[in-house]
Amino acid sequence: MRKRNKAGLKQILFMLVMLLLISLTTGDLQAAEGLRLVASEEEGAGGEIISVIIRAENAVGSEGGQFILNFDPALVRPVAVESGELVKSAASGLYMANLEYAEDQLMFMWITAAADTAEDGDICIISFELFSEGETRLTFEEIIISPGETIAASPIDGKITIDDSGVEQGNNGHQDKPGSAGINVMAMGIGLIVTALIAATGYSIFKRAKKSAH
């Protein structure tokens, strides 16, 4: 009887140890994944303005970040941007965007200094004006996540597919859509205001991130 009890106790202890090891391993794998940026895939016709969502996964504990998004300027043009719920819901969420960072690039930066972000959520919504028929990949580069010890997982690129709308295109496919220039100017103005607000916080956060990277 005692031998059976001892054997049963050993089996229970072995199972508990195995469960503990599995849970610890799973936690390490989840942490190793890091914060992942995901761009949505959208479709539209030439002359339309569509919205692309940039989403973050595994964002708990992050304090902000930045990225550059590449696109084909012959097919699309970013005209406006707004922060997503992941930034809006944070206690001190702020953002800055430069839609004319380069001819084929835009830059977005966000700060959630209180590190109170949700596990997953939208970082920003970017409006693109569509030109001629075609397809452009939306690829990430120069991703920085704060704090410095936060890992940036491999991002998932997005895509915009443009159908032939039969609308005549001028200026190498660029339409002077009413209001689009005004939207862009407004976005730049907002970016300048936000830059002034987050300069001190952003500098300290990303300086720390760069030091950690070295």
C-alpha atoms as a PDB file:
ATOM      1  CA  MET A   1       0.000   0.000   0.000  1.00  0.00           C
ATOM      2  CA  ARG A   2       2.802   2.382   0.924  1.00  0.00           C
ATOM      3  CA  LYS A   3       4.670   1.514  -2.288  1.00  0.00           C
ATOM      4  CA  ARG A   4       1.578   2.378  -4.321  1.00  0.00           C
ATOM      5  CA  ASN A   5       1.168   5.699  -2.478  1.00  0.00           C
ATOM      6  CA  LYS A   6       4.821   6.576  -3.053  1.00  0.00           C
ATOM      7  CA  ALA A   7       4.551   5.709  -6.741  1.00  0.00           C
ATOM      8  CA  GLY A   8       1.416   7.800  -7.080  1.00  0.00           C
ATOM      9  CA  LEU A   9       3.043  10.751  -5.280  1.00  0.00           C
ATOM     10  CA  LYS A  10       6.092  10.573  -7.544  1.00  0.00           C
ATOM     11  CA  GLN A  11       3.858  10.530 -10.604  1.00  0.00           C
ATOM     12  CA  ILE A  12       1.938  13.587  -9.384  1.00  0.00           C
ATOM     13  CA  LEU A  13       5.158  15.471  -8.618  1.00  0.00           C
ATOM     14  CA  PHE A  14       6.562  14.575 -12.040  1.00  0.00           C
ATOM     15  CA  MET A  15       3.407  15.879 -13.738  1.00  0.00           C
ATOM     16  CA  LEU A  16       3.542  19.129 -11.745  1.00  0.00           C
ATOM     17  CA  VAL A  17       7.174  19.679 -12.713  1.00  0.00           C
ATOM     18  CA  MET A  18       6.384  19.046 -16.370  1.00  0.00           C
ATOM     19  CA  LEU A  19       3.447  21.474 -16.281  1.00  0.00           C
ATOM     20  CA  LEU A  20       5.672  24.113 -14.696  1.00  0.00           C
ATOM     21  CA  LEU A  21       8.360  23.654 -17.349  1.00  0.00           C
ATOM     22  CA  ILE A  22       5.787  23.840 -20.147  1.00  0.00           C
ATOM     23  CA  SER A  23       4.288  27.055 -18.770  1.00  0.00           C
ATOM     24  CA  LEU A  24       7.718  28.658 -18.373  1.00  0.00           C
ATOM     25  CA  THR A  25       8.736  27.640 -21.894  1.00  0.00           C
ATOM     26  CA  THR A  26       5.498  28.990 -23.346  1.00  0.00           C
ATOM     27  CA  GLY A  27       6.029  32.289 -21.555  1.00  0.00           C
ATOM     28  CA  ASP A  28       9.571  32.565 -22.908  1.00  0.00           C
ATOM     29  CA  LEU A  29       8.363  31.857 -26.452  1.00  0.00           C
ATOM     30  CA  GLN A  30       5.661  34.519 -26.177  1.00  0.00           C
ATOM     31  CA  ALA A  31       8.163  37.056 -24.878  1.00  0.00           C
ATOM     32  CA  ALA A  32      10.611  36.151 -27.640  1.00  0.00           C
ATOM     33  CA  GLU A  33       8.001  36.945 -30.287  1.00  0.00           C
ATOM     34  CA  GLY A  34       8.167  40.636 -29.425  1.00  0.00           C
ATOM     35  CA  LEU A  35       5.960  43.456 -30.671  1.00  0.00           C
ATOM     36  CA  ARG A  36       4.883  42.805 -34.238  1.00  0.00           C
ATOM     37  CA  LEU A  37       3.643  45.419 -36.726  1.00  0.00           C
ATOM     38  CA  VAL A  38       0.997  44.303 -39.221  1.00  0.00           C
ATOM     39  CA  ALA A  39      -0.259  46.305 -42.225  1.00  0.00           C
ATOM     40  CA  SER A  40      -3.663  45.518 -43.712  1.00  0.00           C
ATOM     41  CA  GLU A  41      -4.384  44.565 -47.335  1.00  0.00           C
ATOM     42  CA  GLU A  42      -6.849  46.836 -49.129  1.00  0.00           C
ATOM     43  CA  GLU A  43      -8.451  47.202 -52.564  1.00  0.00           C
ATOM     44  CA  GLY A  44      -9.905  50.180 -54.422  1.00  0.00           C
ATOM     45  CA  ALA A  45     -10.330  51.901 -57.760  1.00  0.00           C
ATOM     46  CA  GLY A  46      -8.279  54.709 -59.253  1.00  0.00           C
ATOM     47  CA  GLY A  47      -9.426  58.074 -57.894  1.00  0.00           C
ATOM     48  CA  GLU A  48     -10.619  56.648 -54.574  1.00  0.00           C
ATOM     49  CA  ILE A  49      -9.166  57.189 -51.109  1.00  0.00           C
ATOM     50  CA  ILE A  50      -8.847  54.060 -48.983  1.00  0.00           C
ATOM     51  CA  SER A  51      -7.660  53.432 -45.408  1.00  0.00           C
ATOM     52  CA  VAL A  52      -4.794  51.137 -44.435  1.00  0.00           C
ATOM     53  CA  ILE A  53      -4.652  49.962 -40.822  1.00  0.00           C
ATOM     54  CA  ILE A  54      -1.319  49.454 -39.055  1.00  0.00           C
ATOM     55  CA  ARG A  55      -1.800  47.076 -36.142  1.00  0.00           C
ATOM     56  CA  ALA A  56       0.433  45.990 -33.256  1.00  0.00           C
ATOM     57  CA  GLU A  57       0.500  42.537 -31.714  1.00  0.00           C
ATOM     58  CA  ASN A  58       2.047  41.613 -28.358  1.00  0.00           C
ATOM     59  CA  ALA A  59       2.251  45.298 -27.392  1.00  0.00           C
ATOM     60  CA  VAL A  60       1.771  45.025 -23.608  1.00  0.00           C
ATOM     61  CA  GLY A  61       4.403  47.012 -21.687  1.00  0.00           C
ATOM     62  CA  SER A  62       5.615  48.955 -24.718  1.00  0.00           C
ATOM     63  CA  GLU A  63       6.186  52.708 -24.417  1.00  0.00           C
ATOM     64  CA  GLY A  64       6.047  53.671 -28.079  1.00  0.00           C
ATOM     65  CA  GLY A  65       7.944  53.219 -31.289  1.00  0.00           C
ATOM     66  CA  GLN A  66       8.444  54.362 -34.835  1.00  0.00           C
ATOM     67  CA  PHE A  67       8.564  52.910 -38.324  1.00  0.00           C
ATOM     68  CA  ILE A  68       8.974  53.856 -41.978  1.00  0.00           C
ATOM     69  CA  LEU A  69       6.447  52.500 -44.467  1.00  0.00           C
ATOM     70  CA  ASN A  70       7.437  52.038 -48.125  1.00  0.00           C
ATOM     71  CA  PHE A  71       4.998  52.276 -51.045  1.00  0.00           C
ATOM     72  CA  ASP A  72       4.958  52.844 -54.816  1.00  0.00           C
ATOM     73  CA  PRO A  73       4.415  56.605 -55.401  1.00  0.00           C
ATOM     74  CA  ALA A  74       3.331  55.952 -58.991  1.00  0.00           C
ATOM     75  CA  LEU A  75       0.286  54.079 -57.690  1.00  0.00           C
ATOM     76  CA  VAL A  76      -0.625  55.632 -54.328  1.00  0.00           C
ATOM     77  CA  ARG A  77      -0.091  58.741 -52.208  1.00  0.00           C
ATOM     78  CA  PRO A  78      -0.651  59.099 -48.431  1.00  0.00           C
ATOM     79  CA  VAL A  79      -2.943  62.061 -47.732  1.00  0.00           C
ATOM     80  CA  ALA A  80      -3.898  61.755 -44.043  1.00  0.00           C
ATOM     81  CA  VAL A  81      -3.195  59.769 -40.876  1.00  0.00           C
ATOM     82  CA  GLU A  82      -4.795  59.360 -37.475  1.00  0.00           C
ATOM     83  CA  SER A  83      -3.839  57.395 -34.381  1.00  0.00           C
ATOM     84  CA  GLY A  84      -5.485  54.053 -33.670  1.00  0.00           C
ATOM     85  CA  GLU A  85      -7.209  52.803 -30.544  1.00  0.00           C
ATOM     86  CA  LEU A  86      -3.981  51.355 -29.100  1.00  0.00           C
ATOM     87  CA  VAL A  87      -2.562  54.888 -28.851  1.00  0.00           C
ATOM     88  CA  LYS A  88      -5.840  56.672 -28.082  1.00  0.00           C
ATOM     89  CA  SER A  89      -6.687  54.358 -25.188  1.00  0.00           C
ATOM     90  CA  ALA A  90      -3.305  54.876 -23.466  1.00  0.00           C
ATOM     91  CA  ALA A  91      -3.173  57.407 -20.630  1.00  0.00           C
ATOM     92  CA  SER A  92      -0.502  59.521 -22.326  1.00  0.00           C
ATOM     93  CA  GLY A  93      -0.740  58.433 -25.943  1.00  0.00           C
ATOM     94  CA  LEU A  94       0.731  60.854 -28.491  1.00  0.00           C
ATOM     95  CA  TYR A  95       1.814  60.515 -32.097  1.00  0.00           C
ATOM     96  CA  MET A  96       3.592  62.264 -34.955  1.00  0.00           C
ATOM     97  CA  ALA A  97       3.591  61.517 -38.688  1.00  0.00           C
ATOM     98  CA  ASN A  98       5.489  62.708 -41.739  1.00  0.00           C
ATOM     99  CA  LEU A  99       3.612  61.724 -44.894  1.00  0.00           C
ATOM    100  CA  GLU A 100       6.322  63.244 -47.098  1.00  0.00           C
ATOM    101  CA  TYR A 101       9.327  61.641 -45.413  1.00  0.00           C
ATOM    102  CA  ALA A 102      10.484  60.633 -48.899  1.00  0.00           C
ATOM    103  CA  GLU A 103       8.852  60.246 -52.302  1.00  0.00           C
ATOM    104  CA  ASP A 104       8.120  56.595 -51.585  1.00  0.00           C
ATOM    105  CA  GLN A 105       8.090  56.593 -47.777  1.00  0.00           C
ATOM    106  CA  LEU A 106       6.160  57.888 -44.790  1.00  0.00           C
ATOM    107  CA  MET A 107       7.201  57.909 -41.136  1.00  0.00           C
ATOM    108  CA  PHE A 108       5.044  57.356 -38.054  1.00  0.00           C
ATOM    109  CA  MET A 109       6.006  57.683 -34.381  1.00  0.00           C
ATOM    110  CA  TRP A 110       3.866  56.986 -31.319  1.00  0.00           C
ATOM    111  CA  ILE A 111       4.440  57.326 -27.574  1.00  0.00           C
ATOM    112  CA  THR A 112       2.630  55.608 -24.702  1.00  0.00           C
ATOM    113  CA  ALA A 113       5.004  56.614 -21.928  1.00  0.00           C
ATOM    114  CA  ALA A 114       2.900  55.036 -19.156  1.00  0.00           C
ATOM    115  CA  ALA A 115       3.371  51.595 -20.798  1.00  0.00           C
ATOM    116  CA  ASP A 116      -0.370  50.938 -20.418  1.00  0.00           C
ATOM    117  CA  THR A 117      -1.070  49.622 -23.910  1.00  0.00           C
ATOM    118  CA  ALA A 118      -3.356  46.704 -24.654  1.00  0.00           C
ATOM    119  CA  GLU A 119      -2.074  43.336 -25.881  1.00  0.00           C
ATOM    120  CA  ASP A 120      -3.158  44.058 -29.464  1.00  0.00           C
ATOM    121  CA  GLY A 121      -4.669  47.030 -31.274  1.00  0.00           C
ATOM    122  CA  ASP A 122      -4.522  49.535 -34.112  1.00  0.00           C
ATOM    123  CA  ILE A 123      -1.587  51.962 -33.993  1.00  0.00           C
ATOM    124  CA  CYS A 124      -2.729  54.186 -36.845  1.00  0.00           C
ATOM    125  CA  ILE A 125      -4.995  54.481 -39.872  1.00  0.00           C
ATOM    126  CA  ILE A 126      -3.371  55.889 -43.023  1.00  0.00           C
ATOM    127  CA  SER A 127      -5.464  57.259 -45.904  1.00  0.00           C
ATOM    128  CA  PHE A 128      -4.052  56.688 -49.394  1.00  0.00           C
ATOM    129  CA  GLU A 129      -5.181  58.270 -52.647  1.00  0.00           C
ATOM    130  CA  LEU A 130      -5.175  55.692 -55.458  1.00  0.00           C
ATOM    131  CA  PHE A 131      -3.948  56.352 -58.993  1.00  0.00           C
ATOM    132  CA  SER A 132      -3.602  53.936 -61.921  1.00  0.00           C
ATOM    133  CA  GLU A 133      -4.255  50.192 -61.922  1.00  0.00           C
ATOM    134  CA  GLY A 134      -1.659  48.046 -60.209  1.00  0.00           C
ATOM    135  CA  GLU A 135      -0.482  46.643 -56.906  1.00  0.00           C
ATOM    136  CA  THR A 136       1.925  48.062 -54.347  1.00  0.00           C
ATOM    137  CA  ARG A 137       3.406  46.324 -51.338  1.00  0.00           C
ATOM    138  CA  LEU A 138       3.471  48.219 -48.052  1.00  0.00           C
ATOM    139  CA  THR A 139       6.749  47.254 -46.404  1.00  0.00           C
ATOM    140  CA  PHE A 140       8.259  48.278 -43.062  1.00  0.00           C
ATOM    141  CA  GLU A 141      11.783  49.373 -42.252  1.00  0.00           C
ATOM    142  CA  GLU A 142      13.728  51.109 -39.473  1.00  0.00           C
ATOM    143  CA  ILE A 143      11.390  49.828 -36.769  1.00  0.00           C
ATOM    144  CA  ILE A 144      12.271  51.058 -33.283  1.00  0.00           C
ATOM    145  CA  ILE A 145      10.345  49.946 -30.195  1.00  0.00           C
ATOM    146  CA  SER A 146      10.656  51.428 -26.709  1.00  0.00           C
ATOM    147  CA  PRO A 147      11.785  50.516 -24.100  1.00  0.00           C
ATOM    148  CA  GLY A 148      15.033  49.328 -25.611  1.00  0.00           C
ATOM    149  CA  GLU A 149      14.761  45.777 -24.273  1.00  0.00           C
ATOM    150  CA  THR A 150      11.469  45.279 -26.139  1.00  0.00           C
ATOM    151  CA  ILE A 151      11.976  42.997 -29.125  1.00  0.00           C
ATOM    152  CA  ALA A 152      10.598  43.974 -32.530  1.00  0.00           C
ATOM    153  CA  ALA A 153       9.318  40.819 -34.218  1.00  0.00           C
ATOM    154  CA  SER A 154       9.380  40.423 -37.988  1.00  0.00           C
ATOM    155  CA  PRO A 155       6.579  42.640 -39.379  1.00  0.00           C
ATOM    156  CA  ILE A 156       3.815  41.496 -41.709  1.00  0.00           C
ATOM    157  CA  ASP A 157       3.714  43.664 -44.822  1.00  0.00           C
ATOM    158  CA  GLY A 158       0.497  45.007 -46.315  1.00  0.00           C
ATOM    159  CA  LYS A 159      -0.739  45.531 -49.855  1.00  0.00           C
ATOM    160  CA  ILE A 160      -2.918  47.881 -51.884  1.00  0.00           C
ATOM    161  CA  THR A 161      -4.533  46.572 -55.066  1.00  0.00           C
ATOM    162  CA  ILE A 162      -5.931  49.160 -57.495  1.00  0.00           C
ATOM    163  CA  ASP A 163      -8.572  48.239 -60.081  1.00  0.00           C
ATOM    164  CA  ASP A 164      -8.976  50.017 -63.412  1.00  0.00           C
ATOM    165  CA  SER A 165     -11.624  52.699 -62.828  1.00  0.00           C
ATOM    166  CA  GLY A 166     -11.626  54.001 -66.393  1.00  0.00           C
ATOM    167  CA  VAL A 167     -10.947  57.518 -65.105  1.00  0.00           C
ATOM    168  CA  GLU A 168      -8.490  59.594 -67.110  1.00  0.00           C
ATOM    169  CA  GLN A 169      -5.300  60.175 -65.217  1.00  0.00           C
ATOM    170  CA  GLY A 170      -3.158  63.266 -65.514  1.00  0.00           C
ATOM    171  CA  ASN A 171       0.179  64.353 -64.123  1.00  0.00           C
ATOM    172  CA  ASN A 172       1.679  60.853 -64.468  1.00  0.00           C
ATOM    173  CA  GLY A 173      -1.345  59.234 -62.924  1.00  0.00           C
ATOM    174  CA  HIS A 174      -1.753  61.761 -60.102  1.00  0.00           C
ATOM    175  CA  GLN A 175      -5.214  63.256 -59.872  1.00  0.00           C
ATOM    176  CA  ASP A 176      -5.700  66.624 -58.268  1.00  0.00           C
ATOM    177  CA  LYS A 177      -8.551  65.373 -56.143  1.00  0.00           C
ATOM    178  CA  PRO A 178     -10.499  68.216 -54.475  1.00  0.00           C
ATOM    179  CA  GLY A 179      -9.539  68.583 -50.867  1.00  0.00           C
ATOM    180  CA  SER A 180      -6.620  66.138 -50.936  1.00  0.00           C
ATOM    181  CA  ALA A 181      -4.012  68.903 -50.773  1.00  0.00           C
ATOM    182  CA  GLY A 182      -5.880  70.506 -47.898  1.00  0.00           C
ATOM    183  CA  ILE A 183      -5.956  67.199 -46.044  1.00  0.00           C
ATOM    184  CA  ASN A 184      -2.211  66.814 -46.507  1.00  0.00           C
ATOM    185  CA  VAL A 185      -1.477  70.332 -45.264  1.00  0.00           C
ATOM    186  CA  MET A 186      -3.712  69.736 -42.261  1.00  0.00           C
ATOM    187  CA  ALA A 187      -1.895  66.480 -41.484  1.00  0.00           C
ATOM    188  CA  MET A 188       1.467  68.266 -41.661  1.00  0.00           C
ATOM    189  CA  GLY A 189       0.175  70.996 -39.329  1.00  0.00           C
ATOM    190  CA  ILE A 190      -1.025  68.436 -36.815  1.00  0.00           C
ATOM    191  CA  GLY A 191       2.341  66.693 -37.025  1.00  0.00           C
ATOM    192  CA  LEU A 192       4.181  69.908 -36.196  1.00  0.00           C
ATOM    193  CA  ILE A 193       1.954  70.582 -33.184  1.00  0.00           C
ATOM    194  CA  VAL A 194       2.328  67.052 -31.898  1.00  0.00           C
ATOM    195  CA  THR A 195       6.087  67.216 -32.445  1.00  0.00           C
ATOM    196  CA  ALA A 196       6.315  70.155 -30.087  1.00  0.00           C
ATOM    197  CA  LEU A 197       4.238  68.347 -27.474  1.00  0.00           C
ATOM    198  CA  ILE A 198       6.179  65.071 -27.511  1.00  0.00           C
ATOM    199  CA  ALA A 199       9.714  66.324 -28.191  1.00  0.00           C
ATOM    200  CA  ALA A 200      10.948  66.026 -24.591  1.00  0.00           C
ATOM    201  CA  THR A 201       9.311  62.669 -23.909  1.00  0.00           C
ATOM    202  CA  GLY A 202      10.157  61.197 -27.285  1.00  0.00           C
ATOM    203  CA  TYR A 203      13.804  62.204 -27.101  1.00  0.00           C
ATOM    204  CA  SER A 204      14.350  60.531 -23.741  1.00  0.00           C
ATOM    205  CA  ILE A 205      12.506  57.355 -24.743  1.00  0.00           C
ATOM    206  CA  PHE A 206      14.267  56.810 -28.065  1.00  0.00           C
ATOM    207  CA  LYS A 207      17.647  57.857 -26.727  1.00  0.00           C
ATOM    208  CA  ARG A 208      17.279  55.094 -24.172  1.00  0.00           C
ATOM    209  CA  ALA A 209      16.189  52.682 -26.911  1.00  0.00           C
ATOM    210  CA  LYS A 210      19.252  53.460 -29.042  1.00  0.00           C
ATOM    211  CA  LYS A 211      21.590  53.044 -26.047  1.00  0.00           C
ATOM    212  CA  SER A 212      20.074  49.642 -25.350  1.00  0.00           C
ATOM    213  CA  ALA A 213      20.511  48.673 -28.991  1.00  0.00           C
ATOM    214  CA  HIS A 214      24.233  49.402 -28.778  1.00  0.00           C
END
